[in-house]
Amino acid sequence: MPLYEYQCKSCNHNFELRQKFSDEPASVCPACGGEVEKLISQSGFALKGAGWYGDGYGSGSGSKAAAPACPTGGKCAGCPSAS
């Protein structure tokens, strides 16, 4: 479940709520009972491990795959060997 951050418009109290996507947004401050607004906060996103980039995409050391043989001998429209 996502974690949402809210701020009270009256007392500036910041708090977080873990809510389902289907839950209604919070509307009342737990500290003073005032009106709250949902804040946009930074997500915790991190890429870990080698991944596709570390597997040779950016290294330049990988060999290029050869194009498959053209069954028409390069006479079809859009064929790279037709030009």
C-alpha atoms as a PDB file:
ATOM      1  CA  MET A   1       0.000   0.000   0.000  1.00  0.00           C
ATOM      2  CA  PRO A   2       1.250   3.484  -0.825  1.00  0.00           C
ATOM      3  CA  LEU A   3       2.321   5.954   1.821  1.00  0.00           C
ATOM      4  CA  TYR A   4       0.771   9.416   1.459  1.00  0.00           C
ATOM      5  CA  GLU A   5       1.952  12.612   3.112  1.00  0.00           C
ATOM      6  CA  TYR A   6      -0.451  15.300   4.333  1.00  0.00           C
ATOM      7  CA  GLN A   7      -0.112  18.775   5.839  1.00  0.00           C
ATOM      8  CA  CYS A   8      -2.654  20.615   7.961  1.00  0.00           C
ATOM      9  CA  LYS A   9      -3.680  24.032   6.637  1.00  0.00           C
ATOM     10  CA  SER A  10      -4.322  25.309  10.188  1.00  0.00           C
ATOM     11  CA  CYS A  11      -1.390  24.121  12.316  1.00  0.00           C
ATOM     12  CA  ASN A  12       1.078  22.993   9.565  1.00  0.00           C
ATOM     13  CA  HIS A  13       1.294  19.518  11.163  1.00  0.00           C
ATOM     14  CA  ASN A  14       2.822  17.002   8.698  1.00  0.00           C
ATOM     15  CA  PHE A  15       1.811  13.351   8.902  1.00  0.00           C
ATOM     16  CA  GLU A  16       1.859  10.207   6.772  1.00  0.00           C
ATOM     17  CA  LEU A  17      -0.889   7.671   6.139  1.00  0.00           C
ATOM     18  CA  ARG A  18      -0.604   4.253   4.530  1.00  0.00           C
ATOM     19  CA  GLN A  19      -3.727   3.967   2.385  1.00  0.00           C
ATOM     20  CA  LYS A  20      -5.129   1.806  -0.380  1.00  0.00           C
ATOM     21  CA  PHE A  21      -5.625   3.364  -3.808  1.00  0.00           C
ATOM     22  CA  SER A  22      -9.377   2.979  -3.292  1.00  0.00           C
ATOM     23  CA  ASP A  23      -9.398   4.810   0.102  1.00  0.00           C
ATOM     24  CA  GLU A  24     -10.686   8.376   0.306  1.00  0.00           C
ATOM     25  CA  PRO A  25      -7.936  10.972   0.969  1.00  0.00           C
ATOM     26  CA  ALA A  26      -7.611  12.222   4.537  1.00  0.00           C
ATOM     27  CA  SER A  27      -9.522  15.415   5.257  1.00  0.00           C
ATOM     28  CA  VAL A  28      -9.006  16.023   9.001  1.00  0.00           C
ATOM     29  CA  CYS A  29      -5.788  16.735  10.908  1.00  0.00           C
ATOM     30  CA  PRO A  30      -5.223  14.258  13.766  1.00  0.00           C
ATOM     31  CA  ALA A  31      -3.562  17.009  15.857  1.00  0.00           C
ATOM     32  CA  CYS A  32      -6.057  19.884  15.647  1.00  0.00           C
ATOM     33  CA  GLY A  33      -8.994  18.689  13.517  1.00  0.00           C
ATOM     34  CA  GLY A  34      -8.265  21.249  10.781  1.00  0.00           C
ATOM     35  CA  GLU A  35      -8.445  20.746   7.024  1.00  0.00           C
ATOM     36  CA  VAL A  36      -5.500  18.913   5.394  1.00  0.00           C
ATOM     37  CA  GLU A  37      -4.026  18.783   1.907  1.00  0.00           C
ATOM     38  CA  LYS A  38      -2.153  15.934   0.251  1.00  0.00           C
ATOM     39  CA  LEU A  39       1.500  16.714  -0.487  1.00  0.00           C
ATOM     40  CA  ILE A  40       3.571  15.533  -3.404  1.00  0.00           C
ATOM     41  CA  SER A  41       6.632  13.840  -1.991  1.00  0.00           C
ATOM     42  CA  GLN A  42       9.737  12.237  -3.435  1.00  0.00           C
ATOM     43  CA  SER A  43       9.458   8.531  -4.051  1.00  0.00           C
ATOM     44  CA  GLY A  44      12.024   5.994  -2.942  1.00  0.00           C
ATOM     45  CA  PHE A  45      13.117   4.622  -6.309  1.00  0.00           C
ATOM     46  CA  ALA A  46      16.466   2.870  -6.694  1.00  0.00           C
ATOM     47  CA  LEU A  47      17.931   0.632  -9.372  1.00  0.00           C
ATOM     48  CA  LYS A  48      20.028  -2.168  -7.941  1.00  0.00           C
ATOM     49  CA  GLY A  49      22.153  -4.812  -9.567  1.00  0.00           C
ATOM     50  CA  ALA A  50      23.742  -4.960 -12.991  1.00  0.00           C
ATOM     51  CA  GLY A  51      20.476  -4.827 -14.953  1.00  0.00           C
ATOM     52  CA  TRP A  52      20.219  -4.479 -18.706  1.00  0.00           C
ATOM     53  CA  TYR A  53      22.704  -1.607 -18.911  1.00  0.00           C
ATOM     54  CA  GLY A  54      25.404  -3.534 -17.035  1.00  0.00           C
ATOM     55  CA  ASP A  55      24.856  -6.591 -19.217  1.00  0.00           C
ATOM     56  CA  GLY A  56      26.607  -4.998 -22.168  1.00  0.00           C
ATOM     57  CA  TYR A  57      24.238  -2.347 -23.483  1.00  0.00           C
ATOM     58  CA  GLY A  58      26.507   0.607 -22.751  1.00  0.00           C
ATOM     59  CA  SER A  59      29.897  -1.069 -22.704  1.00  0.00           C
ATOM     60  CA  GLY A  60      30.393  -1.353 -26.461  1.00  0.00           C
ATOM     61  CA  SER A  61      32.082  -4.714 -25.962  1.00  0.00           C
ATOM     62  CA  GLY A  62      29.089  -6.779 -27.073  1.00  0.00           C
ATOM     63  CA  SER A  63      28.935  -8.141 -30.596  1.00  0.00           C
ATOM     64  CA  LYS A  64      26.154  -7.015 -32.895  1.00  0.00           C
ATOM     65  CA  ALA A  65      23.675  -9.655 -33.915  1.00  0.00           C
ATOM     66  CA  ALA A  66      23.733 -10.444 -37.607  1.00  0.00           C
ATOM     67  CA  ALA A  67      20.572  -9.737 -39.584  1.00  0.00           C
ATOM     68  CA  PRO A  68      18.681 -12.865 -40.598  1.00  0.00           C
ATOM     69  CA  ALA A  69      19.075 -13.996 -44.174  1.00  0.00           C
ATOM     70  CA  CYS A  70      16.501 -12.513 -46.544  1.00  0.00           C
ATOM     71  CA  PRO A  71      14.474 -15.270 -48.239  1.00  0.00           C
ATOM     72  CA  THR A  72      13.867 -13.095 -51.337  1.00  0.00           C
ATOM     73  CA  GLY A  73      17.520 -12.152 -51.777  1.00  0.00           C
ATOM     74  CA  GLY A  74      16.946  -8.505 -50.786  1.00  0.00           C
ATOM     75  CA  LYS A  75      14.239  -7.795 -53.352  1.00  0.00           C
ATOM     76  CA  CYS A  76      11.399  -6.964 -50.941  1.00  0.00           C
ATOM     77  CA  ALA A  77      10.261  -3.459 -49.953  1.00  0.00           C
ATOM     78  CA  GLY A  78      11.884  -2.171 -46.770  1.00  0.00           C
ATOM     79  CA  CYS A  79      14.639  -4.772 -46.820  1.00  0.00           C
ATOM     80  CA  PRO A  80      17.938  -3.281 -45.592  1.00  0.00           C
ATOM     81  CA  SER A  81      19.887  -5.148 -48.253  1.00  0.00           C
ATOM     82  CA  ALA A  82      17.650  -3.806 -51.086  1.00  0.00           C
ATOM     83  CA  SER A  83      19.457  -0.449 -51.280  1.00  0.00           C
END
